[in-house]
Amino acid sequence: MNFKKTLYISIIIILILGVLFTGYYLYKKSIPTTLNALDTSFSIQIPGKINFKVKEPSSLDYKLDIYSIKDEMFINTSVYDKKYDIDMFEAVEKEILLLSDTLENVRYVSTIEELSINSFLAYKYSYVYYDNSYENDIYAEIVWIKTDKKIYILDLEVITKNIGKYKPIFNDITNSFIEL
């Protein structure tokens, strides 16, 4: 009788601990991580369900450079001072025209979509290209954001087999943009 009581109490404690650990794990996965650019000009939020690492500053002058080895996802950002007013739509069009000169086997280039991100004018387009180092196709989503002070370019990329998972995540990351 005493053994049964101890067994039941032990099972209940184990179940409660399992529920608590599962709840804590799910809670941690739901909290986004806020990342600031190296020059502290902006921040973005990465959903908690994404395991990522921040790359060390490189010679490419990215202000934020992160990646996920598991999902083969990459995000890097460039920031430019707005010394004079430019026609950003025209600049994005020119960048698209240069894609085939800089990347191998570019295809599925989307039309340019105008957005408003935190009241800032933004343009977004996407394409697929072949990456020799991964020996696979990569989906790229490029977002240009024009603020009063700067122009920000977010380059969000993922291996094509993970597009379904990352398209909504890229939208969440883009919409979390805040100029500091």
N, C-alpha and C. Protein backbone atom coordinates (compact mmCIF):
# COMPACT_ATOMS: atom_id res chain seq x y z
N MET A 1 0.82 -1.19 0.00
CA MET A 1 0.00 0.00 0.00
C MET A 1 0.86 1.26 0.00
N ASN A 2 1.88 1.29 0.87
CA ASN A 2 2.79 2.43 0.96
C ASN A 2 3.62 2.56 -0.33
N PHE A 3 3.97 1.41 -0.91
CA PHE A 3 4.73 1.41 -2.17
C PHE A 3 3.89 2.00 -3.31
N LYS A 4 2.61 1.64 -3.40
CA LYS A 4 1.73 2.17 -4.43
C LYS A 4 1.58 3.68 -4.30
N LYS A 5 1.45 4.15 -3.08
CA LYS A 5 1.31 5.59 -2.84
C LYS A 5 2.57 6.33 -3.29
N THR A 6 3.72 5.82 -2.98
CA THR A 6 5.00 6.42 -3.38
C THR A 6 5.14 6.40 -4.91
N LEU A 7 4.72 5.31 -5.51
CA LEU A 7 4.79 5.19 -6.97
C LEU A 7 3.88 6.22 -7.64
N TYR A 8 2.66 6.35 -7.15
CA TYR A 8 1.73 7.33 -7.73
C TYR A 8 2.25 8.76 -7.57
N ILE A 9 2.78 9.07 -6.42
CA ILE A 9 3.33 10.41 -6.17
C ILE A 9 4.53 10.66 -7.09
N SER A 10 5.37 9.66 -7.25
CA SER A 10 6.54 9.80 -8.14
C SER A 10 6.11 10.03 -9.59
N ILE A 11 5.10 9.30 -10.04
CA ILE A 11 4.60 9.46 -11.41
C ILE A 11 4.02 10.86 -11.59
N ILE A 12 3.26 11.33 -10.62
CA ILE A 12 2.67 12.67 -10.69
C ILE A 12 3.76 13.73 -10.73
N ILE A 13 4.79 13.59 -9.92
CA ILE A 13 5.90 14.56 -9.91
C ILE A 13 6.62 14.55 -11.25
N ILE A 14 6.87 13.38 -11.79
CA ILE A 14 7.54 13.28 -13.10
C ILE A 14 6.69 13.93 -14.18
N LEU A 15 5.38 13.70 -14.17
CA LEU A 15 4.49 14.33 -15.15
C LEU A 15 4.48 15.85 -15.01
N ILE A 16 4.42 16.33 -13.78
CA ILE A 16 4.44 17.79 -13.56
C ILE A 16 5.75 18.39 -14.05
N LEU A 17 6.86 17.74 -13.75
CA LEU A 17 8.17 18.23 -14.22
C LEU A 17 8.24 18.21 -15.75
N GLY A 18 7.70 17.17 -16.37
CA GLY A 18 7.69 17.09 -17.83
C GLY A 18 6.88 18.23 -18.44
N VAL A 19 5.72 18.51 -17.85
CA VAL A 19 4.87 19.61 -18.34
C VAL A 19 5.59 20.95 -18.15
N LEU A 20 6.24 21.14 -17.01
CA LEU A 20 6.96 22.40 -16.75
C LEU A 20 8.11 22.60 -17.73
N PHE A 21 8.91 21.54 -17.95
CA PHE A 21 10.03 21.66 -18.89
C PHE A 21 9.54 21.90 -20.32
N THR A 22 8.48 21.21 -20.72
CA THR A 22 7.91 21.42 -22.06
C THR A 22 7.39 22.85 -22.20
N GLY A 23 6.69 23.33 -21.18
CA GLY A 23 6.18 24.70 -21.20
C GLY A 23 7.30 25.72 -21.28
N TYR A 24 8.38 25.51 -20.52
CA TYR A 24 9.51 26.42 -20.55
C TYR A 24 10.18 26.40 -21.93
N TYR A 25 10.34 25.23 -22.51
CA TYR A 25 10.94 25.10 -23.84
C TYR A 25 10.10 25.85 -24.88
N LEU A 26 8.79 25.63 -24.85
CA LEU A 26 7.90 26.33 -25.80
C LEU A 26 7.91 27.83 -25.56
N TYR A 27 7.98 28.25 -24.31
CA TYR A 27 8.05 29.68 -23.99
C TYR A 27 9.33 30.30 -24.56
N LYS A 28 10.47 29.64 -24.36
CA LYS A 28 11.74 30.16 -24.89
C LYS A 28 11.72 30.23 -26.42
N LYS A 29 11.07 29.27 -27.07
CA LYS A 29 11.00 29.26 -28.53
C LYS A 29 10.07 30.35 -29.07
N SER A 30 9.19 30.89 -28.23
CA SER A 30 8.25 31.91 -28.70
C SER A 30 8.78 33.33 -28.53
N ILE A 31 9.88 33.51 -27.80
CA ILE A 31 10.42 34.84 -27.55
C ILE A 31 11.43 35.19 -28.65
N PRO A 32 11.20 36.29 -29.39
CA PRO A 32 12.17 36.67 -30.43
C PRO A 32 13.43 37.28 -29.82
N THR A 33 14.50 37.20 -30.57
CA THR A 33 15.77 37.82 -30.18
C THR A 33 15.93 39.11 -30.97
N THR A 34 16.19 40.21 -30.28
CA THR A 34 16.42 41.49 -30.94
C THR A 34 17.91 41.64 -31.19
N LEU A 35 18.26 41.91 -32.43
CA LEU A 35 19.66 42.12 -32.81
C LEU A 35 19.86 43.54 -33.30
N ASN A 36 20.90 44.19 -32.82
CA ASN A 36 21.26 45.52 -33.29
C ASN A 36 22.39 45.42 -34.30
N ALA A 37 22.36 46.31 -35.28
CA ALA A 37 23.44 46.37 -36.26
C ALA A 37 24.74 46.77 -35.57
N LEU A 38 25.86 46.42 -36.18
CA LEU A 38 27.16 46.77 -35.61
C LEU A 38 27.31 48.27 -35.38
N ASP A 39 26.74 49.07 -36.27
CA ASP A 39 26.83 50.53 -36.11
C ASP A 39 25.66 51.09 -35.31
N THR A 40 24.86 50.22 -34.72
CA THR A 40 23.67 50.56 -33.92
C THR A 40 22.70 51.48 -34.65
N SER A 41 22.62 51.36 -35.95
CA SER A 41 21.70 52.21 -36.71
C SER A 41 20.29 51.63 -36.79
N PHE A 42 20.16 50.31 -36.57
CA PHE A 42 18.84 49.67 -36.65
C PHE A 42 18.84 48.37 -35.85
N SER A 43 17.64 47.85 -35.66
CA SER A 43 17.51 46.53 -35.05
C SER A 43 16.45 45.73 -35.80
N ILE A 44 16.57 44.42 -35.71
CA ILE A 44 15.55 43.51 -36.23
C ILE A 44 15.35 42.42 -35.19
N GLN A 45 14.23 41.73 -35.30
CA GLN A 45 13.95 40.63 -34.38
C GLN A 45 13.94 39.31 -35.14
N ILE A 46 14.61 38.33 -34.56
CA ILE A 46 14.66 36.98 -35.12
C ILE A 46 13.75 36.11 -34.26
N PRO A 47 12.78 35.41 -34.87
CA PRO A 47 11.89 34.56 -34.09
C PRO A 47 12.67 33.54 -33.25
N GLY A 48 12.16 33.26 -32.06
CA GLY A 48 12.84 32.35 -31.13
C GLY A 48 13.00 30.94 -31.65
N LYS A 49 12.18 30.55 -32.63
CA LYS A 49 12.27 29.18 -33.14
C LYS A 49 13.44 28.99 -34.11
N ILE A 50 14.16 30.05 -34.41
CA ILE A 50 15.29 29.97 -35.34
C ILE A 50 16.60 29.90 -34.55
N ASN A 51 17.38 28.86 -34.78
CA ASN A 51 18.71 28.76 -34.20
C ASN A 51 19.68 29.40 -35.17
N PHE A 52 20.37 30.44 -34.73
CA PHE A 52 21.25 31.18 -35.63
C PHE A 52 22.52 31.59 -34.89
N LYS A 53 23.48 32.02 -35.68
CA LYS A 53 24.74 32.57 -35.14
C LYS A 53 25.01 33.88 -35.85
N VAL A 54 25.70 34.77 -35.16
CA VAL A 54 26.09 36.05 -35.74
C VAL A 54 27.53 35.90 -36.22
N LYS A 55 27.75 36.25 -37.50
CA LYS A 55 29.11 36.19 -38.05
C LYS A 55 29.91 37.38 -37.54
N GLU A 56 31.19 37.17 -37.46
CA GLU A 56 32.09 38.27 -37.13
C GLU A 56 32.10 39.27 -38.28
N PRO A 57 32.36 40.54 -37.98
CA PRO A 57 32.41 41.53 -39.07
C PRO A 57 33.36 41.09 -40.17
N SER A 58 32.92 41.28 -41.40
CA SER A 58 33.74 40.86 -42.53
C SER A 58 34.16 42.08 -43.34
N SER A 59 34.96 41.83 -44.31
CA SER A 59 35.43 42.90 -45.17
C SER A 59 34.33 43.41 -46.10
N LEU A 60 33.20 42.68 -46.16
CA LEU A 60 32.10 43.10 -47.03
C LEU A 60 31.30 44.25 -46.44
N ASP A 61 31.66 44.65 -45.23
CA ASP A 61 31.06 45.81 -44.58
C ASP A 61 29.57 45.63 -44.29
N TYR A 62 29.16 44.41 -43.96
CA TYR A 62 27.79 44.20 -43.53
C TYR A 62 27.64 44.72 -42.11
N LYS A 63 26.50 45.32 -41.83
CA LYS A 63 26.24 45.85 -40.49
C LYS A 63 25.60 44.80 -39.59
N LEU A 64 25.08 43.75 -40.20
CA LEU A 64 24.55 42.62 -39.46
C LEU A 64 24.63 41.42 -40.39
N ASP A 65 25.19 40.33 -39.91
CA ASP A 65 25.40 39.16 -40.75
C ASP A 65 25.15 37.92 -39.89
N ILE A 66 24.03 37.22 -40.14
CA ILE A 66 23.70 36.04 -39.34
C ILE A 66 23.42 34.86 -40.26
N TYR A 67 23.47 33.65 -39.68
CA TYR A 67 23.21 32.46 -40.47
C TYR A 67 22.70 31.34 -39.57
N SER A 68 22.02 30.39 -40.18
CA SER A 68 21.57 29.18 -39.52
C SER A 68 22.13 28.01 -40.32
N ILE A 69 23.01 27.26 -39.70
CA ILE A 69 23.61 26.11 -40.38
C ILE A 69 22.55 25.05 -40.64
N LYS A 70 21.68 24.81 -39.67
CA LYS A 70 20.66 23.76 -39.79
C LYS A 70 19.77 23.98 -41.01
N ASP A 71 19.25 25.19 -41.16
CA ASP A 71 18.31 25.47 -42.24
C ASP A 71 18.97 26.11 -43.46
N GLU A 72 20.26 26.36 -43.38
CA GLU A 72 21.00 27.02 -44.46
C GLU A 72 20.31 28.33 -44.84
N MET A 73 20.18 29.20 -43.82
CA MET A 73 19.56 30.51 -43.96
C MET A 73 20.61 31.56 -43.65
N PHE A 74 20.55 32.67 -44.39
CA PHE A 74 21.53 33.74 -44.23
C PHE A 74 20.81 35.08 -44.29
N ILE A 75 21.21 36.00 -43.42
CA ILE A 75 20.69 37.37 -43.47
C ILE A 75 21.88 38.29 -43.31
N ASN A 76 22.03 39.21 -44.26
CA ASN A 76 23.04 40.24 -44.08
C ASN A 76 22.43 41.57 -44.48
N THR A 77 22.97 42.61 -43.91
CA THR A 77 22.41 43.94 -44.14
C THR A 77 23.52 44.93 -44.45
N SER A 78 23.17 45.87 -45.30
CA SER A 78 24.06 46.97 -45.62
C SER A 78 23.34 48.27 -45.27
N VAL A 79 24.12 49.26 -44.89
CA VAL A 79 23.56 50.56 -44.53
C VAL A 79 24.34 51.63 -45.26
N TYR A 80 23.60 52.56 -45.87
CA TYR A 80 24.24 53.65 -46.61
C TYR A 80 23.67 54.97 -46.12
N ASP A 81 24.57 55.93 -45.87
CA ASP A 81 24.12 57.28 -45.52
C ASP A 81 23.40 57.88 -46.72
N LYS A 82 22.34 58.58 -46.44
CA LYS A 82 21.57 59.21 -47.51
C LYS A 82 22.12 60.62 -47.71
N LYS A 83 23.17 60.74 -48.50
CA LYS A 83 23.82 62.03 -48.73
C LYS A 83 23.00 62.91 -49.65
N TYR A 84 22.26 62.29 -50.54
CA TYR A 84 21.37 63.04 -51.43
C TYR A 84 20.18 62.14 -51.75
N ASP A 85 19.11 62.75 -52.13
CA ASP A 85 17.89 61.99 -52.40
C ASP A 85 18.04 61.21 -53.71
N ILE A 86 17.74 59.93 -53.68
CA ILE A 86 17.82 59.11 -54.88
C ILE A 86 16.43 58.55 -55.18
N ASP A 87 16.23 58.18 -56.40
CA ASP A 87 15.01 57.47 -56.78
C ASP A 87 15.27 56.00 -56.46
N MET A 88 14.78 55.56 -55.31
CA MET A 88 15.09 54.21 -54.84
C MET A 88 14.51 53.15 -55.77
N PHE A 89 13.34 53.38 -56.31
CA PHE A 89 12.75 52.40 -57.24
C PHE A 89 13.69 52.18 -58.43
N GLU A 90 14.22 53.26 -58.96
CA GLU A 90 15.15 53.16 -60.09
C GLU A 90 16.43 52.42 -59.69
N ALA A 91 16.92 52.67 -58.48
CA ALA A 91 18.13 51.98 -58.00
C ALA A 91 17.87 50.48 -57.87
N VAL A 92 16.69 50.11 -57.38
CA VAL A 92 16.35 48.70 -57.27
C VAL A 92 16.24 48.06 -58.65
N GLU A 93 15.63 48.77 -59.59
CA GLU A 93 15.54 48.26 -60.97
C GLU A 93 16.93 48.00 -61.55
N LYS A 94 17.85 48.93 -61.32
CA LYS A 94 19.22 48.76 -61.83
C LYS A 94 19.90 47.57 -61.17
N GLU A 95 19.67 47.39 -59.88
CA GLU A 95 20.26 46.24 -59.19
C GLU A 95 19.75 44.93 -59.79
N ILE A 96 18.48 44.88 -60.09
CA ILE A 96 17.90 43.66 -60.68
C ILE A 96 18.53 43.37 -62.04
N LEU A 97 18.77 44.41 -62.83
CA LEU A 97 19.39 44.22 -64.14
C LEU A 97 20.80 43.66 -64.03
N LEU A 98 21.49 43.95 -62.92
CA LEU A 98 22.86 43.49 -62.73
C LEU A 98 22.95 42.08 -62.13
N LEU A 99 21.83 41.52 -61.72
CA LEU A 99 21.85 40.20 -61.08
C LEU A 99 22.55 39.13 -61.92
N SER A 100 22.19 39.04 -63.16
CA SER A 100 22.76 37.98 -64.00
C SER A 100 24.25 38.17 -64.24
N ASP A 101 24.76 39.39 -64.04
CA ASP A 101 26.20 39.63 -64.18
C ASP A 101 26.97 39.18 -62.95
N THR A 102 26.29 39.13 -61.79
CA THR A 102 27.00 38.84 -60.54
C THR A 102 26.72 37.45 -59.98
N LEU A 103 25.61 36.83 -60.36
CA LEU A 103 25.25 35.52 -59.82
C LEU A 103 25.01 34.53 -60.95
N GLU A 104 25.21 33.24 -60.62
CA GLU A 104 25.05 32.20 -61.62
C GLU A 104 23.60 31.72 -61.68
N ASN A 105 23.10 31.57 -62.89
CA ASN A 105 21.80 30.96 -63.12
C ASN A 105 20.67 31.63 -62.34
N VAL A 106 20.55 32.95 -62.45
CA VAL A 106 19.48 33.69 -61.79
C VAL A 106 18.17 33.47 -62.55
N ARG A 107 17.11 33.19 -61.81
CA ARG A 107 15.80 32.98 -62.42
C ARG A 107 14.71 33.30 -61.40
N TYR A 108 13.49 33.27 -61.88
CA TYR A 108 12.32 33.56 -61.04
C TYR A 108 12.42 34.91 -60.34
N VAL A 109 12.90 35.91 -61.07
CA VAL A 109 13.00 37.26 -60.50
C VAL A 109 11.59 37.83 -60.42
N SER A 110 11.21 38.27 -59.24
CA SER A 110 9.86 38.80 -59.03
C SER A 110 9.78 40.25 -59.49
N THR A 111 8.58 40.76 -59.53
CA THR A 111 8.41 42.19 -59.76
C THR A 111 8.74 42.92 -58.46
N ILE A 112 8.97 44.20 -58.56
CA ILE A 112 9.28 45.01 -57.39
C ILE A 112 7.98 45.36 -56.68
N GLU A 113 7.94 45.08 -55.39
CA GLU A 113 6.76 45.35 -54.58
C GLU A 113 7.04 46.54 -53.66
N GLU A 114 6.16 47.53 -53.66
CA GLU A 114 6.31 48.67 -52.75
C GLU A 114 5.68 48.33 -51.41
N LEU A 115 6.40 48.65 -50.34
CA LEU A 115 5.94 48.37 -48.99
C LEU A 115 6.07 49.60 -48.10
N SER A 116 5.45 49.54 -46.96
CA SER A 116 5.67 50.52 -45.90
C SER A 116 6.09 49.73 -44.67
N ILE A 117 7.29 49.97 -44.22
CA ILE A 117 7.80 49.28 -43.04
C ILE A 117 8.04 50.32 -41.96
N ASN A 118 7.23 50.25 -40.92
CA ASN A 118 7.26 51.25 -39.85
C ASN A 118 7.22 52.67 -40.41
N SER A 119 6.34 52.89 -41.35
CA SER A 119 6.10 54.19 -42.00
C SER A 119 7.22 54.61 -42.95
N PHE A 120 8.16 53.75 -43.23
CA PHE A 120 9.23 54.07 -44.17
C PHE A 120 8.93 53.41 -45.52
N LEU A 121 9.28 54.10 -46.58
CA LEU A 121 9.13 53.55 -47.93
C LEU A 121 10.11 52.40 -48.10
N ALA A 122 9.62 51.31 -48.65
CA ALA A 122 10.48 50.14 -48.88
C ALA A 122 10.08 49.47 -50.18
N TYR A 123 11.05 48.80 -50.78
CA TYR A 123 10.81 47.99 -51.98
C TYR A 123 11.38 46.60 -51.74
N LYS A 124 10.66 45.61 -52.24
CA LYS A 124 11.08 44.21 -52.06
C LYS A 124 10.98 43.48 -53.39
N TYR A 125 11.95 42.61 -53.63
CA TYR A 125 11.89 41.69 -54.76
C TYR A 125 12.61 40.40 -54.35
N SER A 126 12.41 39.37 -55.14
CA SER A 126 13.05 38.10 -54.82
C SER A 126 13.50 37.41 -56.10
N TYR A 127 14.35 36.41 -55.93
CA TYR A 127 14.84 35.63 -57.06
C TYR A 127 15.47 34.35 -56.53
N VAL A 128 15.78 33.45 -57.43
CA VAL A 128 16.48 32.21 -57.11
C VAL A 128 17.77 32.19 -57.92
N TYR A 129 18.84 31.72 -57.31
CA TYR A 129 20.11 31.58 -58.03
C TYR A 129 20.82 30.31 -57.55
N TYR A 130 21.75 29.85 -58.35
CA TYR A 130 22.53 28.67 -58.01
C TYR A 130 23.79 29.12 -57.28
N ASP A 131 24.07 28.50 -56.13
CA ASP A 131 25.26 28.82 -55.35
C ASP A 131 26.23 27.65 -55.45
N ASN A 132 27.39 27.89 -56.04
CA ASN A 132 28.38 26.83 -56.21
C ASN A 132 28.89 26.26 -54.89
N SER A 133 29.05 27.10 -53.87
CA SER A 133 29.59 26.60 -52.61
C SER A 133 28.61 25.65 -51.92
N TYR A 134 27.32 25.84 -52.12
CA TYR A 134 26.33 24.93 -51.54
C TYR A 134 25.87 23.87 -52.53
N GLU A 135 26.24 24.06 -53.77
CA GLU A 135 25.82 23.16 -54.84
C GLU A 135 24.30 22.98 -54.80
N ASN A 136 23.62 24.13 -54.65
CA ASN A 136 22.17 24.10 -54.53
C ASN A 136 21.60 25.47 -54.91
N ASP A 137 20.30 25.49 -55.14
CA ASP A 137 19.62 26.75 -55.42
C ASP A 137 19.32 27.49 -54.12
N ILE A 138 19.43 28.80 -54.18
CA ILE A 138 19.17 29.67 -53.04
C ILE A 138 18.06 30.64 -53.41
N TYR A 139 17.11 30.80 -52.51
CA TYR A 139 16.05 31.80 -52.65
C TYR A 139 16.52 33.06 -51.93
N ALA A 140 16.48 34.20 -52.60
CA ALA A 140 16.90 35.47 -52.01
C ALA A 140 15.74 36.46 -52.03
N GLU A 141 15.57 37.13 -50.92
CA GLU A 141 14.57 38.19 -50.81
C GLU A 141 15.31 39.45 -50.40
N ILE A 142 15.23 40.48 -51.23
CA ILE A 142 15.97 41.72 -51.00
C ILE A 142 14.97 42.82 -50.67
N VAL A 143 15.23 43.53 -49.57
CA VAL A 143 14.35 44.62 -49.14
C VAL A 143 15.18 45.88 -48.97
N TRP A 144 14.80 46.92 -49.69
CA TRP A 144 15.41 48.24 -49.56
C TRP A 144 14.48 49.10 -48.71
N ILE A 145 15.02 49.73 -47.69
CA ILE A 145 14.22 50.60 -46.81
C ILE A 145 14.86 51.98 -46.79
N LYS A 146 14.06 53.00 -47.09
CA LYS A 146 14.55 54.37 -47.14
C LYS A 146 13.97 55.16 -45.97
N THR A 147 14.86 55.66 -45.11
CA THR A 147 14.43 56.48 -43.98
C THR A 147 14.89 57.92 -44.23
N ASP A 148 14.66 58.77 -43.28
CA ASP A 148 15.10 60.16 -43.42
C ASP A 148 16.63 60.27 -43.42
N LYS A 149 17.30 59.32 -42.74
CA LYS A 149 18.74 59.40 -42.57
C LYS A 149 19.54 58.47 -43.49
N LYS A 150 18.99 57.27 -43.73
CA LYS A 150 19.80 56.24 -44.38
C LYS A 150 18.97 55.39 -45.33
N ILE A 151 19.68 54.54 -46.08
CA ILE A 151 19.06 53.49 -46.88
C ILE A 151 19.61 52.17 -46.36
N TYR A 152 18.70 51.26 -46.06
CA TYR A 152 19.05 49.96 -45.52
C TYR A 152 18.69 48.90 -46.55
N ILE A 153 19.57 47.94 -46.73
CA ILE A 153 19.29 46.83 -47.64
C ILE A 153 19.39 45.54 -46.84
N LEU A 154 18.27 44.84 -46.75
CA LEU A 154 18.23 43.54 -46.07
C LEU A 154 18.28 42.46 -47.14
N ASP A 155 19.21 41.56 -47.02
CA ASP A 155 19.37 40.44 -47.94
C ASP A 155 19.09 39.17 -47.15
N LEU A 156 17.93 38.58 -47.39
CA LEU A 156 17.48 37.40 -46.65
C LEU A 156 17.51 36.22 -47.61
N GLU A 157 18.27 35.18 -47.28
CA GLU A 157 18.45 34.06 -48.19
C GLU A 157 18.29 32.73 -47.47
N VAL A 158 17.79 31.74 -48.21
CA VAL A 158 17.65 30.40 -47.67
C VAL A 158 17.72 29.40 -48.83
N ILE A 159 18.20 28.23 -48.52
CA ILE A 159 18.24 27.17 -49.52
C ILE A 159 16.80 26.87 -49.95
N THR A 160 16.57 26.61 -51.22
CA THR A 160 15.20 26.54 -51.75
C THR A 160 14.31 25.49 -51.08
N LYS A 161 14.88 24.41 -50.59
CA LYS A 161 14.03 23.40 -49.95
C LYS A 161 13.38 23.93 -48.66
N ASN A 162 13.87 25.04 -48.13
CA ASN A 162 13.31 25.62 -46.90
C ASN A 162 12.52 26.91 -47.13
N ILE A 163 12.16 27.19 -48.40
CA ILE A 163 11.40 28.41 -48.70
C ILE A 163 10.09 28.46 -47.92
N GLY A 164 9.36 27.36 -47.90
CA GLY A 164 8.06 27.34 -47.25
C GLY A 164 8.13 27.75 -45.79
N LYS A 165 9.17 27.33 -45.11
CA LYS A 165 9.34 27.68 -43.70
C LYS A 165 9.75 29.13 -43.53
N TYR A 166 10.63 29.62 -44.42
CA TYR A 166 11.26 30.92 -44.19
C TYR A 166 10.55 32.13 -44.81
N LYS A 167 9.72 31.95 -45.81
CA LYS A 167 9.04 33.12 -46.39
C LYS A 167 8.26 33.92 -45.34
N PRO A 168 7.43 33.28 -44.52
CA PRO A 168 6.73 34.06 -43.49
C PRO A 168 7.68 34.61 -42.42
N ILE A 169 8.74 33.86 -42.14
CA ILE A 169 9.73 34.33 -41.15
C ILE A 169 10.45 35.56 -41.68
N PHE A 170 10.81 35.55 -42.97
CA PHE A 170 11.44 36.73 -43.57
C PHE A 170 10.53 37.94 -43.48
N ASN A 171 9.23 37.74 -43.69
CA ASN A 171 8.28 38.86 -43.56
C ASN A 171 8.27 39.38 -42.12
N ASP A 172 8.28 38.48 -41.14
CA ASP A 172 8.30 38.90 -39.74
C ASP A 172 9.58 39.68 -39.42
N ILE A 173 10.71 39.19 -39.90
CA ILE A 173 11.98 39.86 -39.66
C ILE A 173 11.97 41.25 -40.31
N THR A 174 11.55 41.33 -41.54
CA THR A 174 11.49 42.62 -42.25
C THR A 174 10.58 43.61 -41.53
N ASN A 175 9.42 43.14 -41.11
CA ASN A 175 8.46 44.03 -40.44
C ASN A 175 8.90 44.42 -39.04
N SER A 176 9.90 43.72 -38.48
CA SER A 176 10.40 44.08 -37.16
C SER A 176 11.47 45.17 -37.22
N PHE A 177 11.86 45.59 -38.42
CA PHE A 177 12.91 46.60 -38.61
C PHE A 177 12.57 47.88 -37.83
N ILE A 178 13.54 48.38 -37.07
CA ILE A 178 13.40 49.65 -36.36
C ILE A 178 14.71 50.42 -36.54
N GLU A 179 14.59 51.66 -37.00
CA GLU A 179 15.76 52.52 -37.08
C GLU A 179 16.02 53.09 -35.68
N LEU A 180 17.26 52.98 -35.24
CA LEU A 180 17.61 53.45 -33.88
C LEU A 180 18.16 54.86 -33.89
